[in-house]
């Protein structure tokens, strides 16, 4: 376990905060695709 995600269900506009401990994952296209797809 490395990163955390906090999801707030807000008036049918969910707000997501991804807290990552890897600078590389901040710019990784593969990781971005996983998060967006989810």
ModelCIF file with pLDDT and N, C-alpha, C, O atoms, coordinates in Angstrom:
data_MODEL
#
_entry.id   MODEL 
#
_entity.id                         1 
_entity.type                       polymer 
_entity.pdbx_number_of_molecules   1 
#
_entity_poly.entity_id                      1 
_entity_poly.type                           'polypeptide(L)' 
_entity_poly.nstd_linkage                   no 
_entity_poly.nstd_monomer                   no 
_entity_poly.pdbx_seq_one_letter_code       
;(UNK)(UNK)(UNK)(UNK)(UNK)(UNK)(UNK)(UNK)(UNK)(UNK)(UNK)(UNK)(UNK)(UNK)(UNK)(UNK)
(UNK)(UNK)(UNK)(UNK)(UNK)(UNK)(UNK)(UNK)(UNK)(UNK)(UNK)(UNK)(UNK)(UNK)(UNK)(UNK)
(UNK)(UNK)(UNK)(UNK)(UNK)(UNK)
;
_entity_poly.pdbx_seq_one_letter_code_can   XXXXXXXXXXXXXXXXXXXXXXXXXXXXXXXXXXXXXX 
_entity_poly.pdbx_strand_id                 A 
#
loop_
_entity_poly_seq.entity_id 
_entity_poly_seq.num 
_entity_poly_seq.mon_id 
_entity_poly_seq.hetero 
1 1  UNK n 
1 2  UNK n 
1 3  UNK n 
1 4  UNK n 
1 5  UNK n 
1 6  UNK n 
1 7  UNK n 
1 8  UNK n 
1 9  UNK n 
1 10 UNK n 
1 11 UNK n 
1 12 UNK n 
1 13 UNK n 
1 14 UNK n 
1 15 UNK n 
1 16 UNK n 
1 17 UNK n 
1 18 UNK n 
1 19 UNK n 
1 20 UNK n 
1 21 UNK n 
1 22 UNK n 
1 23 UNK n 
1 24 UNK n 
1 25 UNK n 
1 26 UNK n 
1 27 UNK n 
1 28 UNK n 
1 29 UNK n 
1 30 UNK n 
1 31 UNK n 
1 32 UNK n 
1 33 UNK n 
1 34 UNK n 
1 35 UNK n 
1 36 UNK n 
1 37 UNK n 
1 38 UNK n 
#
_struct_asym.id          A 
_struct_asym.entity_id   1 
#
loop_
_ma_qa_metric.id 
_ma_qa_metric.mode 
_ma_qa_metric.name 
_ma_qa_metric.software_group_id 
_ma_qa_metric.type 
1 global pLDDT . pLDDT 
2 local  pLDDT . pLDDT 
#
_ma_qa_metric_global.metric_id      1 
_ma_qa_metric_global.metric_value   87.26 
_ma_qa_metric_global.model_id       1 
_ma_qa_metric_global.ordinal_id     1 
#
loop_
_ma_qa_metric_local.label_asym_id 
_ma_qa_metric_local.label_comp_id 
_ma_qa_metric_local.label_seq_id 
_ma_qa_metric_local.metric_id 
_ma_qa_metric_local.metric_value 
_ma_qa_metric_local.model_id 
_ma_qa_metric_local.ordinal_id 
A UNK 1  2 84.00 1 1  
A UNK 2  2 86.00 1 2  
A UNK 3  2 93.00 1 3  
A UNK 4  2 95.00 1 4  
A UNK 5  2 94.00 1 5  
A UNK 6  2 95.00 1 6  
A UNK 7  2 93.00 1 7  
A UNK 8  2 93.00 1 8  
A UNK 9  2 87.00 1 9  
A UNK 10 2 76.00 1 10 
A UNK 11 2 71.00 1 11 
A UNK 12 2 72.00 1 12 
A UNK 13 2 82.00 1 13 
A UNK 14 2 89.00 1 14 
A UNK 15 2 92.00 1 15 
A UNK 16 2 92.00 1 16 
A UNK 17 2 94.00 1 17 
A UNK 18 2 94.00 1 18 
A UNK 19 2 94.00 1 19 
A UNK 20 2 93.00 1 20 
A UNK 21 2 91.00 1 21 
A UNK 22 2 88.00 1 22 
A UNK 23 2 88.00 1 23 
A UNK 24 2 87.00 1 24 
A UNK 25 2 85.00 1 25 
A UNK 26 2 86.00 1 26 
A UNK 27 2 86.00 1 27 
A UNK 28 2 84.00 1 28 
A UNK 29 2 84.00 1 29 
A UNK 30 2 81.00 1 30 
A UNK 31 2 83.00 1 31 
A UNK 32 2 86.00 1 32 
A UNK 33 2 86.00 1 33 
A UNK 34 2 84.00 1 34 
A UNK 35 2 87.00 1 35 
A UNK 36 2 87.00 1 36 
A UNK 37 2 87.00 1 37 
A UNK 38 2 87.00 1 38 
#
loop_
_atom_site.group_PDB 
_atom_site.id 
_atom_site.type_symbol 
_atom_site.label_atom_id 
_atom_site.label_alt_id 
_atom_site.label_comp_id 
_atom_site.label_asym_id 
_atom_site.label_entity_id 
_atom_site.label_seq_id 
_atom_site.pdbx_PDB_ins_code 
_atom_site.Cartn_x 
_atom_site.Cartn_y 
_atom_site.Cartn_z 
_atom_site.occupancy 
_atom_site.B_iso_or_equiv 
_atom_site.pdbx_formal_charge 
_atom_site.auth_seq_id 
_atom_site.auth_comp_id 
_atom_site.auth_asym_id 
_atom_site.auth_atom_id 
_atom_site.pdbx_PDB_model_num 
ATOM 1   N N  . UNK A 1 1  ? 0.850   -1.191 0.000   1.00 84.00 ? 1  UNK A N  1 
ATOM 2   C CA . UNK A 1 1  ? 0.000   0.000  0.000   1.00 84.00 ? 1  UNK A CA 1 
ATOM 3   C C  . UNK A 1 1  ? 0.884   1.238  0.000   1.00 84.00 ? 1  UNK A C  1 
ATOM 4   O O  . UNK A 1 1  ? 1.760   1.385  0.852   1.00 84.00 ? 1  UNK A O  1 
ATOM 5   N N  . UNK A 1 2  ? 0.650   2.128  -0.959  1.00 86.00 ? 2  UNK A N  1 
ATOM 6   C CA . UNK A 1 2  ? 1.470   3.333  -1.042  1.00 86.00 ? 2  UNK A CA 1 
ATOM 7   C C  . UNK A 1 2  ? 0.647   4.607  -1.142  1.00 86.00 ? 2  UNK A C  1 
ATOM 8   O O  . UNK A 1 2  ? 0.915   5.563  -0.414  1.00 86.00 ? 2  UNK A O  1 
ATOM 9   N N  . UNK A 1 3  ? -0.339  4.646  -2.015  1.00 93.00 ? 3  UNK A N  1 
ATOM 10  C CA . UNK A 1 3  ? -1.103  5.868  -2.241  1.00 93.00 ? 3  UNK A CA 1 
ATOM 11  C C  . UNK A 1 3  ? -2.478  5.755  -1.595  1.00 93.00 ? 3  UNK A C  1 
ATOM 12  O O  . UNK A 1 3  ? -2.944  4.661  -1.276  1.00 93.00 ? 3  UNK A O  1 
ATOM 13  N N  . UNK A 1 4  ? -3.112  6.894  -1.412  1.00 95.00 ? 4  UNK A N  1 
ATOM 14  C CA . UNK A 1 4  ? -4.459  6.941  -0.847  1.00 95.00 ? 4  UNK A CA 1 
ATOM 15  C C  . UNK A 1 4  ? -5.354  7.764  -1.760  1.00 95.00 ? 4  UNK A C  1 
ATOM 16  O O  . UNK A 1 4  ? -4.898  8.681  -2.443  1.00 95.00 ? 4  UNK A O  1 
ATOM 17  N N  . UNK A 1 5  ? -6.632  7.420  -1.758  1.00 94.00 ? 5  UNK A N  1 
ATOM 18  C CA . UNK A 1 5  ? -7.631  8.165  -2.511  1.00 94.00 ? 5  UNK A CA 1 
ATOM 19  C C  . UNK A 1 5  ? -8.752  8.527  -1.548  1.00 94.00 ? 5  UNK A C  1 
ATOM 20  O O  . UNK A 1 5  ? -9.235  7.682  -0.794  1.00 94.00 ? 5  UNK A O  1 
ATOM 21  N N  . UNK A 1 6  ? -9.162  9.792  -1.583  1.00 95.00 ? 6  UNK A N  1 
ATOM 22  C CA . UNK A 1 6  ? -10.313 10.248 -0.801  1.00 95.00 ? 6  UNK A CA 1 
ATOM 23  C C  . UNK A 1 6  ? -11.363 10.698 -1.800  1.00 95.00 ? 6  UNK A C  1 
ATOM 24  O O  . UNK A 1 6  ? -11.101 11.537 -2.662  1.00 95.00 ? 6  UNK A O  1 
ATOM 25  N N  . UNK A 1 7  ? -12.541 10.138 -1.676  1.00 93.00 ? 7  UNK A N  1 
ATOM 26  C CA . UNK A 1 7  ? -13.648 10.431 -2.580  1.00 93.00 ? 7  UNK A CA 1 
ATOM 27  C C  . UNK A 1 7  ? -14.781 11.041 -1.773  1.00 93.00 ? 7  UNK A C  1 
ATOM 28  O O  . UNK A 1 7  ? -15.212 10.481 -0.765  1.00 93.00 ? 7  UNK A O  1 
ATOM 29  N N  . UNK A 1 8  ? -15.261 12.196 -2.227  1.00 93.00 ? 8  UNK A N  1 
ATOM 30  C CA . UNK A 1 8  ? -16.414 12.826 -1.595  1.00 93.00 ? 8  UNK A CA 1 
ATOM 31  C C  . UNK A 1 8  ? -17.552 12.834 -2.606  1.00 93.00 ? 8  UNK A C  1 
ATOM 32  O O  . UNK A 1 8  ? -17.418 13.371 -3.705  1.00 93.00 ? 8  UNK A O  1 
ATOM 33  N N  . UNK A 1 9  ? -18.669 12.233 -2.221  1.00 87.00 ? 9  UNK A N  1 
ATOM 34  C CA . UNK A 1 9  ? -19.869 12.254 -3.075  1.00 87.00 ? 9  UNK A CA 1 
ATOM 35  C C  . UNK A 1 9  ? -20.565 13.575 -2.813  1.00 87.00 ? 9  UNK A C  1 
ATOM 36  O O  . UNK A 1 9  ? -21.231 13.727 -1.789  1.00 87.00 ? 9  UNK A O  1 
ATOM 37  N N  . UNK A 1 10 ? -20.427 14.533 -3.718  1.00 76.00 ? 10 UNK A N  1 
ATOM 38  C CA . UNK A 1 10 ? -20.893 15.883 -3.494  1.00 76.00 ? 10 UNK A CA 1 
ATOM 39  C C  . UNK A 1 10 ? -21.892 16.294 -4.571  1.00 76.00 ? 10 UNK A C  1 
ATOM 40  O O  . UNK A 1 10 ? -21.491 16.606 -5.692  1.00 76.00 ? 10 UNK A O  1 
ATOM 41  N N  . UNK A 1 11 ? -23.182 16.300 -4.252  1.00 71.00 ? 11 UNK A N  1 
ATOM 42  C CA . UNK A 1 11 ? -24.216 16.780 -5.175  1.00 71.00 ? 11 UNK A CA 1 
ATOM 43  C C  . UNK A 1 11 ? -24.066 16.202 -6.582  1.00 71.00 ? 11 UNK A C  1 
ATOM 44  O O  . UNK A 1 11 ? -24.120 16.937 -7.568  1.00 71.00 ? 11 UNK A O  1 
ATOM 45  N N  . UNK A 1 12 ? -23.884 14.928 -6.669  1.00 72.00 ? 12 UNK A N  1 
ATOM 46  C CA . UNK A 1 12 ? -23.733 14.224 -7.946  1.00 72.00 ? 12 UNK A CA 1 
ATOM 47  C C  . UNK A 1 12 ? -22.514 14.664 -8.751  1.00 72.00 ? 12 UNK A C  1 
ATOM 48  O O  . UNK A 1 12 ? -22.423 14.362 -9.941  1.00 72.00 ? 12 UNK A O  1 
ATOM 49  N N  . UNK A 1 13 ? -21.582 15.370 -8.126  1.00 82.00 ? 13 UNK A N  1 
ATOM 50  C CA . UNK A 1 13 ? -20.310 15.725 -8.745  1.00 82.00 ? 13 UNK A CA 1 
ATOM 51  C C  . UNK A 1 13 ? -19.192 15.232 -7.827  1.00 82.00 ? 13 UNK A C  1 
ATOM 52  O O  . UNK A 1 13 ? -18.617 16.022 -7.079  1.00 82.00 ? 13 UNK A O  1 
ATOM 53  N N  . UNK A 1 14 ? -18.883 13.958 -7.874  1.00 89.00 ? 14 UNK A N  1 
ATOM 54  C CA . UNK A 1 14 ? -17.872 13.418 -6.964  1.00 89.00 ? 14 UNK A CA 1 
ATOM 55  C C  . UNK A 1 14 ? -16.544 14.173 -7.084  1.00 89.00 ? 14 UNK A C  1 
ATOM 56  O O  . UNK A 1 14 ? -16.115 14.556 -8.172  1.00 89.00 ? 14 UNK A O  1 
ATOM 57  N N  . UNK A 1 15 ? -15.920 14.369 -5.939  1.00 92.00 ? 15 UNK A N  1 
ATOM 58  C CA . UNK A 1 15 ? -14.632 15.045 -5.885  1.00 92.00 ? 15 UNK A CA 1 
ATOM 59  C C  . UNK A 1 15 ? -13.602 14.065 -5.342  1.00 92.00 ? 15 UNK A C  1 
ATOM 60  O O  . UNK A 1 15 ? -13.746 13.518 -4.248  1.00 92.00 ? 15 UNK A O  1 
ATOM 61  N N  . UNK A 1 16 ? -12.565 13.861 -6.134  1.00 92.00 ? 16 UNK A N  1 
ATOM 62  C CA . UNK A 1 16 ? -11.551 12.858 -5.835  1.00 92.00 ? 16 UNK A CA 1 
ATOM 63  C C  . UNK A 1 16 ? -10.221 13.547 -5.551  1.00 92.00 ? 16 UNK A C  1 
ATOM 64  O O  . UNK A 1 16 ? -9.807  14.444 -6.285  1.00 92.00 ? 16 UNK A O  1 
ATOM 65  N N  . UNK A 1 17 ? -9.556  13.119 -4.480  1.00 94.00 ? 17 UNK A N  1 
ATOM 66  C CA . UNK A 1 17 ? -8.199  13.573 -4.188  1.00 94.00 ? 17 UNK A CA 1 
ATOM 67  C C  . UNK A 1 17 ? -7.319  12.329 -4.119  1.00 94.00 ? 17 UNK A C  1 
ATOM 68  O O  . UNK A 1 17 ? -7.552  11.437 -3.303  1.00 94.00 ? 17 UNK A O  1 
ATOM 69  N N  . UNK A 1 18 ? -6.311  12.280 -4.980  1.00 94.00 ? 18 UNK A N  1 
ATOM 70  C CA . UNK A 1 18 ? -5.336  11.193 -4.971  1.00 94.00 ? 18 UNK A CA 1 
ATOM 71  C C  . UNK A 1 18 ? -4.084  11.729 -4.292  1.00 94.00 ? 18 UNK A C  1 
ATOM 72  O O  . UNK A 1 18 ? -3.510  12.728 -4.726  1.00 94.00 ? 18 UNK A O  1 
ATOM 73  N N  . UNK A 1 19 ? -3.667  11.060 -3.230  1.00 94.00 ? 19 UNK A N  1 
ATOM 74  C CA . UNK A 1 19 ? -2.469  11.450 -2.490  1.00 94.00 ? 19 UNK A CA 1 
ATOM 75  C C  . UNK A 1 19 ? -1.412  10.395 -2.802  1.00 94.00 ? 19 UNK A C  1 
ATOM 76  O O  . UNK A 1 19 ? -1.530  9.246  -2.377  1.00 94.00 ? 19 UNK A O  1 
ATOM 77  N N  . UNK A 1 20 ? -0.390  10.785 -3.539  1.00 93.00 ? 20 UNK A N  1 
ATOM 78  C CA . UNK A 1 20 ? 0.621   9.828  -3.964  1.00 93.00 ? 20 UNK A CA 1 
ATOM 79  C C  . UNK A 1 20 ? 1.965   10.133 -3.309  1.00 93.00 ? 20 UNK A C  1 
ATOM 80  O O  . UNK A 1 20 ? 2.329   11.295 -3.127  1.00 93.00 ? 20 UNK A O  1 
ATOM 81  N N  . UNK A 1 21 ? 2.689   9.092  -2.962  1.00 91.00 ? 21 UNK A N  1 
ATOM 82  C CA . UNK A 1 21 ? 4.002   9.288  -2.366  1.00 91.00 ? 21 UNK A CA 1 
ATOM 83  C C  . UNK A 1 21 ? 5.122   9.107  -3.372  1.00 91.00 ? 21 UNK A C  1 
ATOM 84  O O  . UNK A 1 21 ? 6.290   9.023  -2.991  1.00 91.00 ? 21 UNK A O  1 
ATOM 85  N N  . UNK A 1 22 ? 4.779   9.044  -4.665  1.00 88.00 ? 22 UNK A N  1 
ATOM 86  C CA . UNK A 1 22 ? 5.779   8.865  -5.720  1.00 88.00 ? 22 UNK A CA 1 
ATOM 87  C C  . UNK A 1 22 ? 5.680   10.008 -6.723  1.00 88.00 ? 22 UNK A C  1 
ATOM 88  O O  . UNK A 1 22 ? 4.643   10.202 -7.358  1.00 88.00 ? 22 UNK A O  1 
ATOM 89  N N  . UNK A 1 23 ? 6.757   10.755 -6.859  1.00 88.00 ? 23 UNK A N  1 
ATOM 90  C CA . UNK A 1 23 ? 6.782   11.835 -7.841  1.00 88.00 ? 23 UNK A CA 1 
ATOM 91  C C  . UNK A 1 23 ? 6.624   11.276 -9.252  1.00 88.00 ? 23 UNK A C  1 
ATOM 92  O O  . UNK A 1 23 ? 6.037   11.929 -10.115 1.00 88.00 ? 23 UNK A O  1 
ATOM 93  N N  . UNK A 1 24 ? 7.141   10.083 -9.491  1.00 87.00 ? 24 UNK A N  1 
ATOM 94  C CA . UNK A 1 24 ? 7.018   9.467  -10.819 1.00 87.00 ? 24 UNK A CA 1 
ATOM 95  C C  . UNK A 1 24 ? 5.561   9.182  -11.177 1.00 87.00 ? 24 UNK A C  1 
ATOM 96  O O  . UNK A 1 24 ? 5.175   9.327  -12.337 1.00 87.00 ? 24 UNK A O  1 
ATOM 97  N N  . UNK A 1 25 ? 4.750   8.782  -10.206 1.00 85.00 ? 25 UNK A N  1 
ATOM 98  C CA . UNK A 1 25 ? 3.342   8.494  -10.496 1.00 85.00 ? 25 UNK A CA 1 
ATOM 99  C C  . UNK A 1 25 ? 2.529   9.759  -10.750 1.00 85.00 ? 25 UNK A C  1 
ATOM 100 O O  . UNK A 1 25 ? 1.448   9.690  -11.336 1.00 85.00 ? 25 UNK A O  1 
ATOM 101 N N  . UNK A 1 26 ? 3.034   10.911 -10.319 1.00 86.00 ? 26 UNK A N  1 
ATOM 102 C CA . UNK A 1 26 ? 2.334   12.166 -10.598 1.00 86.00 ? 26 UNK A CA 1 
ATOM 103 C C  . UNK A 1 26 ? 2.284   12.425 -12.106 1.00 86.00 ? 26 UNK A C  1 
ATOM 104 O O  . UNK A 1 26 ? 1.365   13.085 -12.590 1.00 86.00 ? 26 UNK A O  1 
ATOM 105 N N  . UNK A 1 27 ? 3.268   11.909 -12.848 1.00 86.00 ? 27 UNK A N  1 
ATOM 106 C CA . UNK A 1 27 ? 3.328   12.164 -14.291 1.00 86.00 ? 27 UNK A CA 1 
ATOM 107 C C  . UNK A 1 27 ? 3.186   10.893 -15.129 1.00 86.00 ? 27 UNK A C  1 
ATOM 108 O O  . UNK A 1 27 ? 3.254   10.956 -16.356 1.00 86.00 ? 27 UNK A O  1 
ATOM 109 N N  . UNK A 1 28 ? 2.992   9.761  -14.495 1.00 84.00 ? 28 UNK A N  1 
ATOM 110 C CA . UNK A 1 28 ? 2.890   8.497  -15.224 1.00 84.00 ? 28 UNK A CA 1 
ATOM 111 C C  . UNK A 1 28 ? 1.572   8.412  -15.998 1.00 84.00 ? 28 UNK A C  1 
ATOM 112 O O  . UNK A 1 28 ? 0.494   8.536  -15.417 1.00 84.00 ? 28 UNK A O  1 
ATOM 113 N N  . UNK A 1 29 ? 1.668   8.200  -17.299 1.00 84.00 ? 29 UNK A N  1 
ATOM 114 C CA . UNK A 1 29 ? 0.468   8.054  -18.119 1.00 84.00 ? 29 UNK A CA 1 
ATOM 115 C C  . UNK A 1 29 ? -0.309  6.797  -17.748 1.00 84.00 ? 29 UNK A C  1 
ATOM 116 O O  . UNK A 1 29 ? -1.540  6.799  -17.750 1.00 84.00 ? 29 UNK A O  1 
ATOM 117 N N  . UNK A 1 30 ? 0.413   5.720  -17.428 1.00 81.00 ? 30 UNK A N  1 
ATOM 118 C CA . UNK A 1 30 ? -0.261  4.479  -17.059 1.00 81.00 ? 30 UNK A CA 1 
ATOM 119 C C  . UNK A 1 30 ? -1.069  4.665  -15.770 1.00 81.00 ? 30 UNK A C  1 
ATOM 120 O O  . UNK A 1 30 ? -2.217  4.229  -15.687 1.00 81.00 ? 30 UNK A O  1 
ATOM 121 N N  . UNK A 1 31 ? -0.477  5.302  -14.787 1.00 83.00 ? 31 UNK A N  1 
ATOM 122 C CA . UNK A 1 31 ? -1.168  5.526  -13.513 1.00 83.00 ? 31 UNK A CA 1 
ATOM 123 C C  . UNK A 1 31 ? -2.359  6.471  -13.700 1.00 83.00 ? 31 UNK A C  1 
ATOM 124 O O  . UNK A 1 31 ? -3.435  6.240  -13.147 1.00 83.00 ? 31 UNK A O  1 
ATOM 125 N N  . UNK A 1 32 ? -2.161  7.528  -14.477 1.00 86.00 ? 32 UNK A N  1 
ATOM 126 C CA . UNK A 1 32 ? -3.260  8.453  -14.767 1.00 86.00 ? 32 UNK A CA 1 
ATOM 127 C C  . UNK A 1 32 ? -4.415  7.712  -15.425 1.00 86.00 ? 32 UNK A C  1 
ATOM 128 O O  . UNK A 1 32 ? -5.573  7.945  -15.078 1.00 86.00 ? 32 UNK A O  1 
ATOM 129 N N  . UNK A 1 33 ? -4.120  6.824  -16.368 1.00 86.00 ? 33 UNK A N  1 
ATOM 130 C CA . UNK A 1 33 ? -5.155  6.038  -17.037 1.00 86.00 ? 33 UNK A CA 1 
ATOM 131 C C  . UNK A 1 33 ? -5.913  5.142  -16.078 1.00 86.00 ? 33 UNK A C  1 
ATOM 132 O O  . UNK A 1 33 ? -7.128  4.988  -16.203 1.00 86.00 ? 33 UNK A O  1 
ATOM 133 N N  . UNK A 1 34 ? -5.215  4.549  -15.124 1.00 84.00 ? 34 UNK A N  1 
ATOM 134 C CA . UNK A 1 34 ? -5.857  3.686  -14.127 1.00 84.00 ? 34 UNK A CA 1 
ATOM 135 C C  . UNK A 1 34 ? -6.840  4.501  -13.286 1.00 84.00 ? 34 UNK A C  1 
ATOM 136 O O  . UNK A 1 34 ? -7.987  4.095  -13.097 1.00 84.00 ? 34 UNK A O  1 
ATOM 137 N N  . UNK A 1 35 ? -6.387  5.649  -12.783 1.00 87.00 ? 35 UNK A N  1 
ATOM 138 C CA . UNK A 1 35 ? -7.229  6.489  -11.924 1.00 87.00 ? 35 UNK A CA 1 
ATOM 139 C C  . UNK A 1 35 ? -8.434  7.019  -12.692 1.00 87.00 ? 35 UNK A C  1 
ATOM 140 O O  . UNK A 1 35 ? -9.561  6.952  -12.201 1.00 87.00 ? 35 UNK A O  1 
ATOM 141 N N  . UNK A 1 36 ? -8.204  7.546  -13.896 1.00 87.00 ? 36 UNK A N  1 
ATOM 142 C CA . UNK A 1 36 ? -9.321  8.078  -14.681 1.00 87.00 ? 36 UNK A CA 1 
ATOM 143 C C  . UNK A 1 36 ? -10.315 6.980  -15.029 1.00 87.00 ? 36 UNK A C  1 
ATOM 144 O O  . UNK A 1 36 ? -11.524 7.190  -14.926 1.00 87.00 ? 36 UNK A O  1 
ATOM 145 N N  . UNK A 1 37 ? -9.827  5.814  -15.439 1.00 87.00 ? 37 UNK A N  1 
ATOM 146 C CA . UNK A 1 37 ? -10.717 4.706  -15.780 1.00 87.00 ? 37 UNK A CA 1 
ATOM 147 C C  . UNK A 1 37 ? -11.557 4.263  -14.603 1.00 87.00 ? 37 UNK A C  1 
ATOM 148 O O  . UNK A 1 37 ? -12.740 3.963  -14.760 1.00 87.00 ? 37 UNK A O  1 
ATOM 149 N N  . UNK A 1 38 ? -10.960 4.219  -13.428 1.00 87.00 ? 38 UNK A N  1 
ATOM 150 C CA . UNK A 1 38 ? -11.683 3.817  -12.223 1.00 87.00 ? 38 UNK A CA 1 
ATOM 151 C C  . UNK A 1 38 ? -12.856 4.749  -11.953 1.00 87.00 ? 38 UNK A C  1 
ATOM 152 O O  . UNK A 1 38 ? -13.581 4.563  -10.975 1.00 87.00 ? 38 UNK A O  1 
#
